[in-house]
PDB file of N, CA and C in Angstrom:
ATOM      1  N   MET A   1     -30.763   3.683  44.887  1.00  0.00           N
ATOM      2  CA  MET A   1     -30.285   2.569  45.615  1.00  0.00           C
ATOM      3  C   MET A   1     -28.774   2.728  45.759  1.00  0.00           C
ATOM      4  N   SER A   2     -28.276   2.565  46.933  1.00  0.00           N
ATOM      5  CA  SER A   2     -26.860   2.755  47.205  1.00  0.00           C
ATOM      6  C   SER A   2     -26.152   1.419  47.248  1.00  0.00           C
ATOM      7  N   ARG A   3     -24.964   1.419  46.731  1.00  0.00           N
ATOM      8  CA  ARG A   3     -24.159   0.202  46.784  1.00  0.00           C
ATOM      9  C   ARG A   3     -22.964   0.492  47.659  1.00  0.00           C
ATOM     10  N   GLU A   4     -23.167   0.386  48.915  1.00  0.00           N
ATOM     11  CA  GLU A   4     -22.081   0.660  49.857  1.00  0.00           C
ATOM     12  C   GLU A   4     -21.031  -0.427  49.720  1.00  0.00           C
ATOM     13  N   GLY A   5     -19.822  -0.008  49.808  1.00  0.00           N
ATOM     14  CA  GLY A   5     -18.723  -0.955  49.724  1.00  0.00           C
ATOM     15  C   GLY A   5     -18.264  -1.214  48.305  1.00  0.00           C
ATOM     16  N   ALA A   6     -19.048  -0.800  47.361  1.00  0.00           N
ATOM     17  CA  ALA A   6     -18.628  -0.976  45.974  1.00  0.00           C
ATOM     18  C   ALA A   6     -17.548   0.051  45.675  1.00  0.00           C
ATOM     19  N   GLY A   7     -16.486  -0.389  45.040  1.00  0.00           N
ATOM     20  CA  GLY A   7     -15.380   0.510  44.708  1.00  0.00           C
ATOM     21  C   GLY A   7     -15.792   1.515  43.655  1.00  0.00           C
ATOM     22  N   GLU A   8     -14.999   2.541  43.580  1.00  0.00           N
ATOM     23  CA  GLU A   8     -15.282   3.533  42.544  1.00  0.00           C
ATOM     24  C   GLU A   8     -15.085   2.900  41.181  1.00  0.00           C
ATOM     25  N   ARG A   9     -15.946   3.269  40.310  1.00  0.00           N
ATOM     26  CA  ARG A   9     -15.877   2.728  38.961  1.00  0.00           C
ATOM     27  C   ARG A   9     -14.823   3.482  38.154  1.00  0.00           C
ATOM     28  N   LYS A  10     -13.942   2.729  37.524  1.00  0.00           N
ATOM     29  CA  LYS A  10     -12.917   3.366  36.701  1.00  0.00           C
ATOM     30  C   LYS A  10     -13.539   3.782  35.372  1.00  0.00           C
ATOM     31  N   PRO A  11     -13.203   4.967  34.909  1.00  0.00           N
ATOM     32  CA  PRO A  11     -13.751   5.383  33.609  1.00  0.00           C
ATOM     33  C   PRO A  11     -13.158   4.531  32.486  1.00  0.00           C
ATOM     34  N   ASN A  12     -13.995   4.279  31.498  1.00  0.00           N
ATOM     35  CA  ASN A  12     -13.521   3.498  30.350  1.00  0.00           C
ATOM     36  C   ASN A  12     -12.479   4.303  29.588  1.00  0.00           C
ATOM     37  N   ALA A  13     -11.521   3.587  29.053  1.00  0.00           N
ATOM     38  CA  ALA A  13     -10.494   4.252  28.245  1.00  0.00           C
ATOM     39  C   ALA A  13     -11.148   4.785  26.972  1.00  0.00           C
ATOM     40  N   SER A  14     -10.723   5.957  26.556  1.00  0.00           N
ATOM     41  CA  SER A  14     -11.298   6.530  25.342  1.00  0.00           C
ATOM     42  C   SER A  14     -10.817   5.721  24.139  1.00  0.00           C
ATOM     43  N   PRO A  15     -11.675   5.559  23.144  1.00  0.00           N
ATOM     44  CA  PRO A  15     -11.289   4.788  21.968  1.00  0.00           C
ATOM     45  C   PRO A  15     -10.189   5.495  21.180  1.00  0.00           C
ATOM     46  N   ALA A  16      -9.489   4.707  20.408  1.00  0.00           N
ATOM     47  CA  ALA A  16      -8.407   5.261  19.593  1.00  0.00           C
ATOM     48  C   ALA A  16      -8.970   6.301  18.619  1.00  0.00           C
ATOM     49  N   ALA A  17      -8.150   7.258  18.282  1.00  0.00           N
ATOM     50  CA  ALA A  17      -8.588   8.365  17.439  1.00  0.00           C
ATOM     51  C   ALA A  17      -8.769   7.958  15.983  1.00  0.00           C
ATOM     52  N   GLY A  18      -8.285   6.820  15.593  1.00  0.00           N
ATOM     53  CA  GLY A  18      -8.416   6.390  14.202  1.00  0.00           C
ATOM     54  C   GLY A  18      -7.050   6.070  13.626  1.00  0.00           C
ATOM     55  N   THR A  19      -7.006   5.943  12.339  1.00  0.00           N
ATOM     56  CA  THR A  19      -5.766   5.596  11.661  1.00  0.00           C
ATOM     57  C   THR A  19      -4.858   6.817  11.581  1.00  0.00           C
ATOM     58  N   PRO A  20      -3.607   6.662  12.012  1.00  0.00           N
ATOM     59  CA  PRO A  20      -2.675   7.797  11.947  1.00  0.00           C
ATOM     60  C   PRO A  20      -2.408   8.220  10.500  1.00  0.00           C
ATOM     61  N   ILE A  21      -2.050   9.463  10.324  1.00  0.00           N
ATOM     62  CA  ILE A  21      -1.827  10.013   8.989  1.00  0.00           C
ATOM     63  C   ILE A  21      -0.655   9.335   8.286  1.00  0.00           C
ATOM     64  N   TRP A  22       0.374   8.938   9.035  1.00  0.00           N
ATOM     65  CA  TRP A  22       1.532   8.304   8.384  1.00  0.00           C
ATOM     66  C   TRP A  22       1.139   6.975   7.743  1.00  0.00           C
ATOM     67  N   VAL A  23       0.154   6.289   8.304  1.00  0.00           N
ATOM     68  CA  VAL A  23      -0.306   5.036   7.707  1.00  0.00           C
ATOM     69  C   VAL A  23      -0.995   5.326   6.376  1.00  0.00           C
ATOM     70  N   TRP A  24      -1.823   6.368   6.343  1.00  0.00           N
ATOM     71  CA  TRP A  24      -2.494   6.730   5.097  1.00  0.00           C
ATOM     72  C   TRP A  24      -1.485   7.162   4.036  1.00  0.00           C
ATOM     73  N   VAL A  25      -0.425   7.849   4.442  1.00  0.00           N
ATOM     74  CA  VAL A  25       0.611   8.271   3.483  1.00  0.00           C
ATOM     75  C   VAL A  25       1.294   7.050   2.876  1.00  0.00           C
ATOM     76  N   ILE A  26       1.607   6.059   3.709  1.00  0.00           N
ATOM     77  CA  ILE A  26       2.234   4.834   3.203  1.00  0.00           C
ATOM     78  C   ILE A  26       1.281   4.104   2.263  1.00  0.00           C
ATOM     79  N   TYR A  27      -0.002   4.017   2.637  1.00  0.00           N
ATOM     80  CA  TYR A  27      -0.983   3.365   1.770  1.00  0.00           C
ATOM     81  C   TYR A  27      -1.088   4.069   0.421  1.00  0.00           C
ATOM     82  N   VAL A  28      -1.153   5.394   0.428  1.00  0.00           N
ATOM     83  CA  VAL A  28      -1.289   6.148  -0.826  1.00  0.00           C
ATOM     84  C   VAL A  28      -0.069   5.950  -1.722  1.00  0.00           C
ATOM     85  N   PHE A  29       1.119   6.032  -1.138  1.00  0.00           N
ATOM     86  CA  PHE A  29       2.332   5.813  -1.943  1.00  0.00           C
ATOM     87  C   PHE A  29       2.396   4.380  -2.471  1.00  0.00           C
ATOM     88  N   GLY A  30       1.970   3.429  -1.675  1.00  0.00           N
ATOM     89  CA  GLY A  30       1.961   2.032  -2.116  1.00  0.00           C
ATOM     90  C   GLY A  30       0.989   1.802  -3.260  1.00  0.00           C
ATOM     91  N   ILE A  31      -0.201   2.382  -3.152  1.00  0.00           N
ATOM     92  CA  ILE A  31      -1.194   2.248  -4.224  1.00  0.00           C
ATOM     93  C   ILE A  31      -0.716   2.950  -5.485  1.00  0.00           C
ATOM     94  N   LEU A  32      -0.120   4.121  -5.326  1.00  0.00           N
ATOM     95  CA  LEU A  32       0.425   4.844  -6.477  1.00  0.00           C
ATOM     96  C   LEU A  32       1.536   4.034  -7.154  1.00  0.00           C
ATOM     97  N   ALA A  33       2.421   3.462  -6.354  1.00  0.00           N
ATOM     98  CA  ALA A  33       3.509   2.655  -6.911  1.00  0.00           C
ATOM     99  C   ALA A  33       2.958   1.433  -7.629  1.00  0.00           C
ATOM    100  N   PHE A  34       1.958   0.788  -7.053  1.00  0.00           N
ATOM    101  CA  PHE A  34       1.351  -0.372  -7.697  1.00  0.00           C
ATOM    102  C   PHE A  34       0.717   0.014  -9.030  1.00  0.00           C
ATOM    103  N   ALA A  35       0.033   1.155  -9.050  1.00  0.00           N
ATOM    104  CA  ALA A  35      -0.599   1.613 -10.288  1.00  0.00           C
ATOM    105  C   ALA A  35       0.451   1.894 -11.365  1.00  0.00           C
ATOM    106  N   ILE A  36       1.557   2.513 -10.987  1.00  0.00           N
ATOM    107  CA  ILE A  36       2.617   2.811 -11.953  1.00  0.00           C
ATOM    108  C   ILE A  36       3.206   1.529 -12.523  1.00  0.00           C
ATOM    109  N   VAL A  37       3.477   0.568 -11.659  1.00  0.00           N
ATOM    110  CA  VAL A  37       4.048  -0.704 -12.116  1.00  0.00           C
ATOM    111  C   VAL A  37       3.050  -1.445 -13.003  1.00  0.00           C
ATOM    112  N   ALA A  38       1.793  -1.498 -12.578  1.00  0.00           N
ATOM    113  CA  ALA A  38       0.782  -2.227 -13.352  1.00  0.00           C
ATOM    114  C   ALA A  38       0.571  -1.595 -14.722  1.00  0.00           C
ATOM    115  N   PHE A  39       0.437  -0.271 -14.782  1.00  0.00           N
ATOM    116  CA  PHE A  39       0.238   0.386 -16.072  1.00  0.00           C
ATOM    117  C   PHE A  39       1.476   0.278 -16.950  1.00  0.00           C
ATOM    118  N   SER A  40       2.655   0.288 -16.367  1.00  0.00           N
ATOM    119  CA  SER A  40       3.876   0.116 -17.158  1.00  0.00           C
ATOM    120  C   SER A  40       3.926  -1.266 -17.789  1.00  0.00           C
ATOM    121  N   ILE A  41       3.577  -2.278 -17.009  1.00  0.00           N
ATOM    122  CA  ILE A  41       3.570  -3.643 -17.545  1.00  0.00           C
ATOM    123  C   ILE A  41       2.513  -3.779 -18.634  1.00  0.00           C
ATOM    124  N   LEU A  42       1.315  -3.258 -18.382  1.00  0.00           N
ATOM    125  CA  LEU A  42       0.250  -3.354 -19.381  1.00  0.00           C
ATOM    126  C   LEU A  42       0.592  -2.585 -20.657  1.00  0.00           C
ATOM    127  N   PHE A  43       1.182  -1.403 -20.510  1.00  0.00           N
ATOM    128  CA  PHE A  43       1.553  -0.599 -21.674  1.00  0.00           C
ATOM    129  C   PHE A  43       2.617  -1.324 -22.502  1.00  0.00           C
ATOM    130  N   THR A  44       3.622  -1.875 -21.853  1.00  0.00           N
ATOM    131  CA  THR A  44       4.687  -2.590 -22.555  1.00  0.00           C
ATOM    132  C   THR A  44       4.150  -3.853 -23.206  1.00  0.00           C
ATOM    133  N   LEU A  45       3.314  -4.585 -22.484  1.00  0.00           N
ATOM    134  CA  LEU A  45       2.728  -5.801 -23.031  1.00  0.00           C
ATOM    135  C   LEU A  45       1.857  -5.483 -24.244  1.00  0.00           C
ATOM    136  N   GLY A  46       1.094  -4.402 -24.148  1.00  0.00           N
ATOM    137  CA  GLY A  46       0.277  -3.986 -25.283  1.00  0.00           C
ATOM    138  C   GLY A  46       1.114  -3.606 -26.482  1.00  0.00           C
ATOM    139  N   ALA A  47       2.212  -2.911 -26.264  1.00  0.00           N
ATOM    140  CA  ALA A  47       3.085  -2.520 -27.372  1.00  0.00           C
ATOM    141  C   ALA A  47       3.713  -3.742 -28.032  1.00  0.00           C
ATOM    142  N   VAL A  48       4.113  -4.710 -27.230  1.00  0.00           N
ATOM    143  CA  VAL A  48       4.747  -5.911 -27.784  1.00  0.00           C
ATOM    144  C   VAL A  48       3.724  -6.745 -28.555  1.00  0.00           C
ATOM    145  N   LEU A  49       2.546  -6.925 -27.997  1.00  0.00           N
ATOM    146  CA  LEU A  49       1.552  -7.790 -28.634  1.00  0.00           C
ATOM    147  C   LEU A  49       0.861  -7.136 -29.828  1.00  0.00           C
ATOM    148  N   LEU A  50       0.680  -5.824 -29.802  1.00  0.00           N
ATOM    149  CA  LEU A  50      -0.065  -5.147 -30.856  1.00  0.00           C
ATOM    150  C   LEU A  50       0.811  -4.568 -31.957  1.00  0.00           C
ATOM    151  N   SER A  51       2.097  -4.725 -31.843  1.00  0.00           N
ATOM    152  CA  SER A  51       2.998  -4.182 -32.853  1.00  0.00           C
ATOM    153  C   SER A  51       3.035  -5.114 -34.058  1.00  0.00           C
ATOM    154  N   ASP A  52       2.578  -4.589 -35.190  1.00  0.00           N
ATOM    155  CA  ASP A  52       2.591  -5.382 -36.426  1.00  0.00           C
ATOM    156  C   ASP A  52       3.770  -5.025 -37.318  1.00  0.00           C
ATOM    157  N   ASP A  53       4.517  -4.024 -36.938  1.00  0.00           N
ATOM    158  CA  ASP A  53       5.621  -3.551 -37.761  1.00  0.00           C
ATOM    159  C   ASP A  53       6.861  -4.394 -37.472  1.00  0.00           C
ATOM    160  N   ASP A  54       7.274  -5.185 -38.456  1.00  0.00           N
ATOM    161  CA  ASP A  54       8.434  -6.055 -38.266  1.00  0.00           C
ATOM    162  C   ASP A  54       9.752  -5.324 -38.495  1.00  0.00           C
ATOM    163  N   THR A  55       9.697  -4.155 -39.128  1.00  0.00           N
ATOM    164  CA  THR A  55      10.943  -3.439 -39.402  1.00  0.00           C
ATOM    165  C   THR A  55      11.480  -2.752 -38.143  1.00  0.00           C
ATOM    166  N   VAL A  56      10.598  -2.351 -37.267  1.00  0.00           N
ATOM    167  CA  VAL A  56      11.020  -1.704 -36.027  1.00  0.00           C
ATOM    168  C   VAL A  56      10.578  -2.591 -34.875  1.00  0.00           C
ATOM    169  N   GLY A  57      11.536  -3.191 -34.220  1.00  0.00           N
ATOM    170  CA  GLY A  57      11.209  -4.067 -33.103  1.00  0.00           C
ATOM    171  C   GLY A  57      10.876  -3.269 -31.850  1.00  0.00           C
ATOM    172  N   VAL A  58       9.944  -3.759 -31.096  1.00  0.00           N
ATOM    173  CA  VAL A  58       9.574  -3.131 -29.836  1.00  0.00           C
ATOM    174  C   VAL A  58      10.502  -3.677 -28.761  1.00  0.00           C
ATOM    175  N   SER A  59      11.141  -2.782 -28.073  1.00  0.00           N
ATOM    176  CA  SER A  59      12.034  -3.221 -26.999  1.00  0.00           C
ATOM    177  C   SER A  59      11.684  -2.459 -25.734  1.00  0.00           C
ATOM    178  N   TYR A  60      12.190  -2.930 -24.639  1.00  0.00           N
ATOM    179  CA  TYR A  60      11.954  -2.271 -23.361  1.00  0.00           C
ATOM    180  C   TYR A  60      13.215  -2.379 -22.518  1.00  0.00           C
ATOM    181  N   ASP A  61      13.369  -1.419 -21.656  1.00  0.00           N
ATOM    182  CA  ASP A  61      14.526  -1.375 -20.771  1.00  0.00           C
ATOM    183  C   ASP A  61      14.000  -1.298 -19.334  1.00  0.00           C
ATOM    184  N   VAL A  62      14.450  -2.212 -18.516  1.00  0.00           N
ATOM    185  CA  VAL A  62      13.993  -2.252 -17.126  1.00  0.00           C
ATOM    186  C   VAL A  62      15.004  -1.510 -16.261  1.00  0.00           C
ATOM    187  N   SER A  63      14.519  -0.539 -15.526  1.00  0.00           N
ATOM    188  CA  SER A  63      15.375   0.250 -14.652  1.00  0.00           C
ATOM    189  C   SER A  63      15.410  -0.385 -13.263  1.00  0.00           C
ATOM    190  N   THR A  64      16.582  -0.798 -12.836  1.00  0.00           N
ATOM    191  CA  THR A  64      16.732  -1.424 -11.524  1.00  0.00           C
ATOM    192  C   THR A  64      16.390  -0.466 -10.387  1.00  0.00           C
ATOM    193  N   PRO A  65      16.856   0.794 -10.417  1.00  0.00           N
ATOM    194  CA  PRO A  65      16.454   1.703  -9.327  1.00  0.00           C
ATOM    195  C   PRO A  65      14.938   1.925  -9.260  1.00  0.00           C
ATOM    196  N   ALA A  66      14.291   1.958 -10.422  1.00  0.00           N
ATOM    197  CA  ALA A  66      12.837   2.134 -10.426  1.00  0.00           C
ATOM    198  C   ALA A  66      12.142   0.925  -9.813  1.00  0.00           C
ATOM    199  N   ILE A  67      12.605  -0.263 -10.163  1.00  0.00           N
ATOM    200  CA  ILE A  67      12.023  -1.487  -9.602  1.00  0.00           C
ATOM    201  C   ILE A  67      12.215  -1.505  -8.089  1.00  0.00           C
ATOM    202  N   VAL A  68      13.388  -1.111  -7.618  1.00  0.00           N
ATOM    203  CA  VAL A  68      13.657  -1.086  -6.178  1.00  0.00           C
ATOM    204  C   VAL A  68      12.775  -0.053  -5.488  1.00  0.00           C
ATOM    205  N   LEU A  69      12.658   1.135  -6.069  1.00  0.00           N
ATOM    206  CA  LEU A  69      11.848   2.193  -5.466  1.00  0.00           C
ATOM    207  C   LEU A  69      10.376   1.813  -5.413  1.00  0.00           C
ATOM    208  N   TRP A  70       9.794   1.464  -6.567  1.00  0.00           N
ATOM    209  CA  TRP A  70       8.364   1.142  -6.603  1.00  0.00           C
ATOM    210  C   TRP A  70       8.068  -0.137  -5.832  1.00  0.00           C
ATOM    211  N   GLY A  71       8.945  -1.116  -5.958  1.00  0.00           N
ATOM    212  CA  GLY A  71       8.752  -2.359  -5.203  1.00  0.00           C
ATOM    213  C   GLY A  71       8.845  -2.134  -3.706  1.00  0.00           C
ATOM    214  N   GLY A  72       9.769  -1.259  -3.284  1.00  0.00           N
ATOM    215  CA  GLY A  72       9.902  -0.942  -1.859  1.00  0.00           C
ATOM    216  C   GLY A  72       8.673  -0.242  -1.310  1.00  0.00           C
ATOM    217  N   LEU A  73       8.101   0.668  -2.102  1.00  0.00           N
ATOM    218  CA  LEU A  73       6.893   1.361  -1.665  1.00  0.00           C
ATOM    219  C   LEU A  73       5.706   0.405  -1.573  1.00  0.00           C
ATOM    220  N   ILE A  74       5.598  -0.484  -2.537  1.00  0.00           N
ATOM    221  CA  ILE A  74       4.529  -1.484  -2.501  1.00  0.00           C
ATOM    222  C   ILE A  74       4.713  -2.405  -1.295  1.00  0.00           C
ATOM    223  N   LEU A  75       5.935  -2.855  -1.080  1.00  0.00           N
ATOM    224  CA  LEU A  75       6.229  -3.737   0.054  1.00  0.00           C
ATOM    225  C   LEU A  75       5.952  -3.050   1.387  1.00  0.00           C
ATOM    226  N   ALA A  76       6.294  -1.771   1.505  1.00  0.00           N
ATOM    227  CA  ALA A  76       6.035  -1.030   2.740  1.00  0.00           C
ATOM    228  C   ALA A  76       4.539  -0.924   3.010  1.00  0.00           C
ATOM    229  N   ALA A  77       3.753  -0.679   1.968  1.00  0.00           N
ATOM    230  CA  ALA A  77       2.302  -0.570   2.139  1.00  0.00           C
ATOM    231  C   ALA A  77       1.696  -1.908   2.539  1.00  0.00           C
ATOM    232  N   VAL A  78       2.122  -2.969   1.894  1.00  0.00           N
ATOM    233  CA  VAL A  78       1.595  -4.298   2.218  1.00  0.00           C
ATOM    234  C   VAL A  78       2.009  -4.701   3.631  1.00  0.00           C
ATOM    235  N   ALA A  79       3.264  -4.461   3.997  1.00  0.00           N
ATOM    236  CA  ALA A  79       3.734  -4.808   5.339  1.00  0.00           C
ATOM    237  C   ALA A  79       2.991  -4.013   6.408  1.00  0.00           C
ATOM    238  N   THR A  80       2.754  -2.738   6.157  1.00  0.00           N
ATOM    239  CA  THR A  80       2.000  -1.908   7.108  1.00  0.00           C
ATOM    240  C   THR A  80       0.586  -2.438   7.262  1.00  0.00           C
ATOM    241  N   TRP A  81      -0.044  -2.797   6.164  1.00  0.00           N
ATOM    242  CA  TRP A  81      -1.404  -3.321   6.216  1.00  0.00           C
ATOM    243  C   TRP A  81      -1.451  -4.631   7.007  1.00  0.00           C
ATOM    244  N   VAL A  82      -0.501  -5.533   6.750  1.00  0.00           N
ATOM    245  CA  VAL A  82      -0.477  -6.823   7.445  1.00  0.00           C
ATOM    246  C   VAL A  82      -0.242  -6.631   8.943  1.00  0.00           C
ATOM    247  N   VAL A  83       0.722  -5.782   9.306  1.00  0.00           N
ATOM    248  CA  VAL A  83       1.017  -5.548  10.723  1.00  0.00           C
ATOM    249  C   VAL A  83      -0.187  -4.942  11.433  1.00  0.00           C
ATOM    250  N   ARG A  84      -0.845  -3.991  10.820  1.00  0.00           N
ATOM    251  CA  ARG A  84      -2.013  -3.362  11.449  1.00  0.00           C
ATOM    252  C   ARG A  84      -3.189  -4.320  11.568  1.00  0.00           C
ATOM    253  N   ARG A  85      -3.333  -5.234  10.623  1.00  0.00           N
ATOM    254  CA  ARG A  85      -4.402  -6.235  10.699  1.00  0.00           C
ATOM    255  C   ARG A  85      -4.149  -7.227  11.830  1.00  0.00           C
ATOM    256  N   ARG A  86      -2.895  -7.582  12.036  1.00  0.00           N
ATOM    257  CA  ARG A  86      -2.560  -8.543  13.104  1.00  0.00           C
ATOM    258  C   ARG A  86      -2.639  -7.930  14.491  1.00  0.00           C
ATOM    259  N   GLN A  87      -2.590  -6.609  14.577  1.00  0.00           N
ATOM    260  CA  GLN A  87      -2.673  -5.940  15.878  1.00  0.00           C
ATOM    261  C   GLN A  87      -4.093  -5.938  16.414  1.00  0.00           C
ATOM    262  N   ARG A  88      -5.063  -6.139  15.577  1.00  0.00           N
ATOM    263  CA  ARG A  88      -6.461  -6.074  16.013  1.00  0.00           C
ATOM    264  C   ARG A  88      -6.866  -7.299  16.776  1.00  0.00           C
TER     265      ARG A  88
END
């Protein structure tokens, strides 16, 4: 059956190729940074709570550059995830 007068059909746009590699790199670094921060907090908390030795006090030192680095990586991963979710 012919449809005279019907315009040519435009081909559908090809679907996106998937998530770019740079997004996965940011996600991996963010997850790694979160794991490092979480395990550091848990390890320090465990040392403080489980230490029964009163002669040697358990202390900890917080590194500002480390907090900035790991926090920045976590923030970048979360921001990338939020922006990509809102684009859909």
